[in-house]
Amino acid sequence: MTVSVLDLGDDENRFSPDWLQRVHSFLDGVEGALLTTGGGKFYSNGLDLEWLTAHSDRASEYVAQVQELFARVLTLPVPTIAAINGHAFGAGAMLAMAHDFRVMRADRGYFCFPEADINIPFTPGMAALIQGKLTPAAAVASMTTARRFGGPEAAEIGLVDETAAEGEVVKVARTRVEGLVGKDRGTLGAIKTTMFAPAVAALRAG
């Protein structure tokens, strides 16, 4: 079994409906392990606010689709890792949090939940996802401040597991997750579903 690498794109990698559909289609074929990364200066800038503004009547449906992606990655029955090549903002940072592990570029890029500065409160599901992965202190420090964490600061607080030099992020992430390939899918899926049951329930509640 191999590590399936999902390239999120080489622009801001925002969650357009078409982008969400492509990601779900990719996840359908993942077997050994999942590694996600971007191809430019962004890992992901999160919600497609331009699309959302133009389709405000579909906001609830759109948010539900985004949260379903988080729930799916959170409980995927294979090891998962985010190789954060650049900026991870808002829902893009939440997607990274949904993975089992995170490796971030050390010298450039920010990991940030900007909600407190852009006046968009976290949904119960999004809050549960983040809080399910962080210590209470780290959740307060990242969710209430809108602070932009560079790689070393993100690692120190626990937002990411480790950092790597430019050009090494994917390699380090792959090495970390390769050793975990081969776990029984049914068992691993059940463990994750139990571990993150409150977050998954909140994400799928709407």
C-alpha atoms as a PDB file:
ATOM      1  CA  MET A   1       0.000   0.000   0.000  1.00  0.00           C
ATOM      2  CA  THR A   2       1.165   3.513  -0.771  1.00  0.00           C
ATOM      3  CA  VAL A   3       0.627   7.046   0.418  1.00  0.00           C
ATOM      4  CA  SER A   4      -1.996   8.814  -1.703  1.00  0.00           C
ATOM      5  CA  VAL A   5      -0.984  12.447  -2.232  1.00  0.00           C
ATOM      6  CA  LEU A   6      -3.820  14.928  -2.764  1.00  0.00           C
ATOM      7  CA  ASP A   7      -2.638  18.217  -4.291  1.00  0.00           C
ATOM      8  CA  LEU A   8      -5.208  20.775  -3.176  1.00  0.00           C
ATOM      9  CA  GLY A   9      -4.184  23.180  -5.950  1.00  0.00           C
ATOM     10  CA  ASP A  10      -1.709  25.965  -6.654  1.00  0.00           C
ATOM     11  CA  ASP A  11      -3.847  29.029  -5.947  1.00  0.00           C
ATOM     12  CA  GLU A  12      -5.702  29.929  -2.722  1.00  0.00           C
ATOM     13  CA  ASN A  13      -7.352  26.491  -2.800  1.00  0.00           C
ATOM     14  CA  ARG A  14     -10.673  27.800  -1.560  1.00  0.00           C
ATOM     15  CA  PHE A  15     -13.561  25.408  -1.017  1.00  0.00           C
ATOM     16  CA  SER A  16     -15.685  25.946  -4.106  1.00  0.00           C
ATOM     17  CA  PRO A  17     -18.433  23.353  -4.668  1.00  0.00           C
ATOM     18  CA  ASP A  18     -16.447  21.887  -7.578  1.00  0.00           C
ATOM     19  CA  TRP A  19     -13.298  21.756  -5.408  1.00  0.00           C
ATOM     20  CA  LEU A  20     -15.210  19.947  -2.663  1.00  0.00           C
ATOM     21  CA  GLN A  21     -16.521  17.409  -5.161  1.00  0.00           C
ATOM     22  CA  ARG A  22     -13.024  16.744  -6.535  1.00  0.00           C
ATOM     23  CA  VAL A  23     -11.628  16.208  -3.039  1.00  0.00           C
ATOM     24  CA  HIS A  24     -14.418  13.781  -2.124  1.00  0.00           C
ATOM     25  CA  SER A  25     -13.834  11.858  -5.361  1.00  0.00           C
ATOM     26  CA  PHE A  26     -10.136  11.564  -4.509  1.00  0.00           C
ATOM     27  CA  LEU A  27     -10.907  10.340  -0.990  1.00  0.00           C
ATOM     28  CA  ASP A  28     -13.038   7.557  -2.470  1.00  0.00           C
ATOM     29  CA  GLY A  29      -9.873   5.942  -3.846  1.00  0.00           C
ATOM     30  CA  VAL A  30      -7.499   6.356  -0.891  1.00  0.00           C
ATOM     31  CA  GLU A  31      -6.230   3.046   0.471  1.00  0.00           C
ATOM     32  CA  GLY A  32      -2.832   3.172   2.225  1.00  0.00           C
ATOM     33  CA  ALA A  33      -2.581   6.647   3.735  1.00  0.00           C
ATOM     34  CA  LEU A  34      -3.607  10.200   2.842  1.00  0.00           C
ATOM     35  CA  LEU A  35      -1.234  13.144   2.484  1.00  0.00           C
ATOM     36  CA  THR A  36      -2.638  16.529   1.463  1.00  0.00           C
ATOM     37  CA  THR A  37      -0.631  19.551   0.375  1.00  0.00           C
ATOM     38  CA  GLY A  38      -0.856  22.644  -1.807  1.00  0.00           C
ATOM     39  CA  GLY A  39       1.217  23.643  -4.797  1.00  0.00           C
ATOM     40  CA  GLY A  40       1.751  27.354  -4.174  1.00  0.00           C
ATOM     41  CA  LYS A  41       1.995  29.825  -1.296  1.00  0.00           C
ATOM     42  CA  PHE A  42      -1.266  28.554   0.215  1.00  0.00           C
ATOM     43  CA  TYR A  43      -2.248  25.269   1.770  1.00  0.00           C
ATOM     44  CA  SER A  44      -5.813  26.572   1.761  1.00  0.00           C
ATOM     45  CA  ASN A  45      -7.558  29.865   2.416  1.00  0.00           C
ATOM     46  CA  GLY A  46     -10.746  28.038   3.326  1.00  0.00           C
ATOM     47  CA  LEU A  47     -14.294  29.047   2.448  1.00  0.00           C
ATOM     48  CA  ASP A  48     -15.013  30.392  -1.030  1.00  0.00           C
ATOM     49  CA  LEU A  49     -16.510  33.656   0.201  1.00  0.00           C
ATOM     50  CA  GLU A  50     -16.930  35.006  -3.346  1.00  0.00           C
ATOM     51  CA  TRP A  51     -19.068  32.013  -4.317  1.00  0.00           C
ATOM     52  CA  LEU A  52     -20.914  32.181  -1.017  1.00  0.00           C
ATOM     53  CA  THR A  53     -21.760  35.866  -1.507  1.00  0.00           C
ATOM     54  CA  ALA A  54     -23.112  35.135  -4.968  1.00  0.00           C
ATOM     55  CA  HIS A  55     -25.155  32.166  -3.719  1.00  0.00           C
ATOM     56  CA  SER A  56     -26.283  33.321  -0.281  1.00  0.00           C
ATOM     57  CA  ASP A  57     -29.492  31.308  -0.624  1.00  0.00           C
ATOM     58  CA  ARG A  58     -27.372  28.136  -0.534  1.00  0.00           C
ATOM     59  CA  ALA A  59     -25.266  29.090   2.499  1.00  0.00           C
ATOM     60  CA  SER A  60     -26.641  26.393   4.799  1.00  0.00           C
ATOM     61  CA  GLU A  61     -26.182  23.702   2.162  1.00  0.00           C
ATOM     62  CA  TYR A  62     -22.642  24.888   1.471  1.00  0.00           C
ATOM     63  CA  VAL A  63     -21.579  24.941   5.133  1.00  0.00           C
ATOM     64  CA  ALA A  64     -23.024  21.449   5.562  1.00  0.00           C
ATOM     65  CA  GLN A  65     -20.909  20.225   2.638  1.00  0.00           C
ATOM     66  CA  VAL A  66     -17.774  21.765   4.119  1.00  0.00           C
ATOM     67  CA  GLN A  67     -18.459  20.241   7.508  1.00  0.00           C
ATOM     68  CA  GLU A  68     -19.077  16.842   5.922  1.00  0.00           C
ATOM     69  CA  LEU A  69     -15.596  17.021   4.409  1.00  0.00           C
ATOM     70  CA  PHE A  70     -14.141  17.732   7.850  1.00  0.00           C
ATOM     71  CA  ALA A  71     -16.058  14.813   9.364  1.00  0.00           C
ATOM     72  CA  ARG A  72     -14.941  12.489   6.609  1.00  0.00           C
ATOM     73  CA  VAL A  73     -11.255  13.359   6.909  1.00  0.00           C
ATOM     74  CA  LEU A  74     -11.498  13.205  10.710  1.00  0.00           C
ATOM     75  CA  THR A  75     -12.722   9.600  10.566  1.00  0.00           C
ATOM     76  CA  LEU A  76     -10.987   8.354   7.399  1.00  0.00           C
ATOM     77  CA  PRO A  77      -9.958   4.735   8.091  1.00  0.00           C
ATOM     78  CA  VAL A  78      -6.327   5.289   7.055  1.00  0.00           C
ATOM     79  CA  PRO A  79      -3.500   7.397   8.536  1.00  0.00           C
ATOM     80  CA  THR A  80      -3.769  11.023   7.390  1.00  0.00           C
ATOM     81  CA  ILE A  81      -1.303  13.901   7.385  1.00  0.00           C
ATOM     82  CA  ALA A  82      -1.378  17.497   6.161  1.00  0.00           C
ATOM     83  CA  ALA A  83       1.838  18.805   4.619  1.00  0.00           C
ATOM     84  CA  ILE A  84       1.234  22.519   5.135  1.00  0.00           C
ATOM     85  CA  ASN A  85       3.270  24.201   2.406  1.00  0.00           C
ATOM     86  CA  GLY A  86       2.033  27.737   3.065  1.00  0.00           C
ATOM     87  CA  HIS A  87      -0.821  29.713   4.555  1.00  0.00           C
ATOM     88  CA  ALA A  88      -3.638  27.767   6.219  1.00  0.00           C
ATOM     89  CA  PHE A  89      -6.489  30.106   7.146  1.00  0.00           C
ATOM     90  CA  GLY A  90      -9.966  29.579   8.551  1.00  0.00           C
ATOM     91  CA  ALA A  91     -11.598  26.496   7.103  1.00  0.00           C
ATOM     92  CA  GLY A  92      -8.282  25.652   5.420  1.00  0.00           C
ATOM     93  CA  ALA A  93      -6.681  25.421   8.861  1.00  0.00           C
ATOM     94  CA  MET A  94      -9.665  23.367  10.031  1.00  0.00           C
ATOM     95  CA  LEU A  95      -9.111  20.918   7.181  1.00  0.00           C
ATOM     96  CA  ALA A  96      -5.521  20.522   8.343  1.00  0.00           C
ATOM     97  CA  MET A  97      -6.748  19.988  11.910  1.00  0.00           C
ATOM     98  CA  ALA A  98      -9.020  17.176  10.726  1.00  0.00           C
ATOM     99  CA  HIS A  99      -5.942  15.137   9.744  1.00  0.00           C
ATOM    100  CA  ASP A 100      -4.207  12.844  12.222  1.00  0.00           C
ATOM    101  CA  PHE A 101      -0.925  14.760  11.918  1.00  0.00           C
ATOM    102  CA  ARG A 102       0.373  18.059  10.532  1.00  0.00           C
ATOM    103  CA  VAL A 103       3.809  19.105   9.242  1.00  0.00           C
ATOM    104  CA  MET A 104       4.279  22.803   8.468  1.00  0.00           C
ATOM    105  CA  ARG A 105       6.881  24.754   6.580  1.00  0.00           C
ATOM    106  CA  ALA A 106       9.210  26.358   9.110  1.00  0.00           C
ATOM    107  CA  ASP A 107      10.241  29.590   7.411  1.00  0.00           C
ATOM    108  CA  ARG A 108       7.101  30.987   5.789  1.00  0.00           C
ATOM    109  CA  GLY A 109       3.341  30.687   5.967  1.00  0.00           C
ATOM    110  CA  TYR A 110       0.790  31.223   8.711  1.00  0.00           C
ATOM    111  CA  PHE A 111      -1.635  28.945  10.497  1.00  0.00           C
ATOM    112  CA  CYS A 112      -4.594  31.044  11.552  1.00  0.00           C
ATOM    113  CA  PHE A 113      -8.210  30.961  12.639  1.00  0.00           C
ATOM    114  CA  PRO A 114      -9.163  34.573  11.713  1.00  0.00           C
ATOM    115  CA  GLU A 115     -12.795  34.336  12.771  1.00  0.00           C
ATOM    116  CA  ALA A 116     -12.483  36.795  15.682  1.00  0.00           C
ATOM    117  CA  ASP A 117     -11.180  39.481  13.310  1.00  0.00           C
ATOM    118  CA  ILE A 118     -13.583  38.895  10.422  1.00  0.00           C
ATOM    119  CA  ASN A 119     -16.703  38.638  12.589  1.00  0.00           C
ATOM    120  CA  ILE A 120     -17.618  35.093  11.593  1.00  0.00           C
ATOM    121  CA  PRO A 121     -18.237  32.962  14.703  1.00  0.00           C
ATOM    122  CA  PHE A 122     -17.290  29.300  14.625  1.00  0.00           C
ATOM    123  CA  THR A 123     -20.173  26.916  14.045  1.00  0.00           C
ATOM    124  CA  PRO A 124     -20.619  24.353  16.844  1.00  0.00           C
ATOM    125  CA  GLY A 125     -19.163  21.697  14.544  1.00  0.00           C
ATOM    126  CA  MET A 126     -16.100  23.705  13.616  1.00  0.00           C
ATOM    127  CA  ALA A 127     -15.463  24.610  17.245  1.00  0.00           C
ATOM    128  CA  ALA A 128     -15.835  20.965  18.282  1.00  0.00           C
ATOM    129  CA  LEU A 129     -13.369  19.878  15.598  1.00  0.00           C
ATOM    130  CA  ILE A 130     -10.677  22.299  16.747  1.00  0.00           C
ATOM    131  CA  GLN A 131     -11.278  21.689  20.446  1.00  0.00           C
ATOM    132  CA  GLY A 132     -11.145  17.946  19.853  1.00  0.00           C
ATOM    133  CA  LYS A 133      -7.550  18.291  18.655  1.00  0.00           C
ATOM    134  CA  LEU A 134      -6.087  20.975  20.949  1.00  0.00           C
ATOM    135  CA  THR A 135      -5.519  21.551  24.634  1.00  0.00           C
ATOM    136  CA  PRO A 136      -7.962  24.061  26.160  1.00  0.00           C
ATOM    137  CA  ALA A 137      -5.168  26.649  26.397  1.00  0.00           C
ATOM    138  CA  ALA A 138      -4.201  26.198  22.742  1.00  0.00           C
ATOM    139  CA  ALA A 139      -7.842  26.414  21.673  1.00  0.00           C
ATOM    140  CA  VAL A 140      -8.291  29.721  23.499  1.00  0.00           C
ATOM    141  CA  ALA A 141      -4.990  31.080  22.159  1.00  0.00           C
ATOM    142  CA  SER A 142      -5.834  30.247  18.558  1.00  0.00           C
ATOM    143  CA  MET A 143      -9.619  30.597  18.386  1.00  0.00           C
ATOM    144  CA  THR A 144     -10.172  33.854  20.306  1.00  0.00           C
ATOM    145  CA  THR A 145      -7.187  35.897  19.126  1.00  0.00           C
ATOM    146  CA  ALA A 146      -7.099  35.428  15.318  1.00  0.00           C
ATOM    147  CA  ARG A 147      -3.323  35.233  15.770  1.00  0.00           C
ATOM    148  CA  ARG A 148      -1.198  34.196  12.807  1.00  0.00           C
ATOM    149  CA  PHE A 149       1.153  31.447  13.923  1.00  0.00           C
ATOM    150  CA  GLY A 150       4.343  30.797  11.972  1.00  0.00           C
ATOM    151  CA  GLY A 151       5.606  27.227  11.789  1.00  0.00           C
ATOM    152  CA  PRO A 152       7.719  27.177  14.974  1.00  0.00           C
ATOM    153  CA  GLU A 153       5.015  28.924  17.015  1.00  0.00           C
ATOM    154  CA  ALA A 154       2.361  26.586  15.630  1.00  0.00           C
ATOM    155  CA  ALA A 155       4.464  23.587  16.654  1.00  0.00           C
ATOM    156  CA  GLU A 156       5.106  25.022  20.104  1.00  0.00           C
ATOM    157  CA  ILE A 157       1.412  25.477  20.846  1.00  0.00           C
ATOM    158  CA  GLY A 158       0.412  22.139  19.310  1.00  0.00           C
ATOM    159  CA  LEU A 159      -1.354  23.293  16.162  1.00  0.00           C
ATOM    160  CA  VAL A 160       1.113  21.223  14.142  1.00  0.00           C
ATOM    161  CA  ASP A 161       3.284  18.257  15.104  1.00  0.00           C
ATOM    162  CA  GLU A 162       6.544  19.388  13.536  1.00  0.00           C
ATOM    163  CA  THR A 163       8.085  21.757  11.015  1.00  0.00           C
ATOM    164  CA  ALA A 164      10.321  21.228   8.009  1.00  0.00           C
ATOM    165  CA  ALA A 165      12.404  23.302   5.640  1.00  0.00           C
ATOM    166  CA  GLU A 166      11.030  24.499   2.319  1.00  0.00           C
ATOM    167  CA  GLY A 167      11.077  21.641  -0.132  1.00  0.00           C
ATOM    168  CA  GLU A 168      11.144  19.069   2.670  1.00  0.00           C
ATOM    169  CA  VAL A 169       7.610  19.409   3.992  1.00  0.00           C
ATOM    170  CA  VAL A 170       6.060  16.696   1.834  1.00  0.00           C
ATOM    171  CA  LYS A 171       9.054  14.389   2.307  1.00  0.00           C
ATOM    172  CA  VAL A 172       8.951  14.712   6.094  1.00  0.00           C
ATOM    173  CA  ALA A 173       5.188  14.223   6.123  1.00  0.00           C
ATOM    174  CA  ARG A 174       5.408  11.161   3.900  1.00  0.00           C
ATOM    175  CA  THR A 175       8.098   9.607   6.091  1.00  0.00           C
ATOM    176  CA  ARG A 176       6.021  10.204   9.193  1.00  0.00           C
ATOM    177  CA  VAL A 177       2.896   8.557   7.809  1.00  0.00           C
ATOM    178  CA  GLU A 178       4.474   5.728   5.778  1.00  0.00           C
ATOM    179  CA  GLY A 179       5.341   3.819   8.921  1.00  0.00           C
ATOM    180  CA  LEU A 180       1.664   3.726   9.876  1.00  0.00           C
ATOM    181  CA  VAL A 181       0.382   2.233   6.623  1.00  0.00           C
ATOM    182  CA  GLY A 182      -1.198  -1.191   6.917  1.00  0.00           C
ATOM    183  CA  LYS A 183      -3.465  -0.776   9.915  1.00  0.00           C
ATOM    184  CA  ASP A 184      -6.805  -2.546   9.621  1.00  0.00           C
ATOM    185  CA  ARG A 185      -9.254  -0.065   8.099  1.00  0.00           C
ATOM    186  CA  GLY A 186     -12.234  -1.258  10.110  1.00  0.00           C
ATOM    187  CA  THR A 187     -10.374  -0.990  13.381  1.00  0.00           C
ATOM    188  CA  LEU A 188      -8.785   2.382  12.623  1.00  0.00           C
ATOM    189  CA  GLY A 189     -12.061   3.820  11.378  1.00  0.00           C
ATOM    190  CA  ALA A 190     -13.850   2.629  14.515  1.00  0.00           C
ATOM    191  CA  ILE A 191     -11.176   4.109  16.771  1.00  0.00           C
ATOM    192  CA  LYS A 192     -11.389   7.509  15.082  1.00  0.00           C
ATOM    193  CA  THR A 193     -15.190   7.461  15.037  1.00  0.00           C
ATOM    194  CA  THR A 194     -15.208   6.813  18.783  1.00  0.00           C
ATOM    195  CA  MET A 195     -12.412   9.293  19.575  1.00  0.00           C
ATOM    196  CA  PHE A 196     -14.066  12.146  17.744  1.00  0.00           C
ATOM    197  CA  ALA A 197     -17.733  11.221  18.164  1.00  0.00           C
ATOM    198  CA  PRO A 198     -18.742  14.604  19.694  1.00  0.00           C
ATOM    199  CA  ALA A 199     -17.044  16.581  16.890  1.00  0.00           C
ATOM    200  CA  VAL A 200     -18.459  14.364  14.155  1.00  0.00           C
ATOM    201  CA  ALA A 201     -21.961  14.630  15.611  1.00  0.00           C
ATOM    202  CA  ALA A 202     -21.673  18.420  15.791  1.00  0.00           C
ATOM    203  CA  LEU A 203     -20.272  18.665  12.260  1.00  0.00           C
ATOM    204  CA  ARG A 204     -23.074  16.558  10.818  1.00  0.00           C
ATOM    205  CA  ALA A 205     -25.819  18.271  12.820  1.00  0.00           C
ATOM    206  CA  GLY A 206     -25.752  21.199  10.386  1.00  0.00           C
END
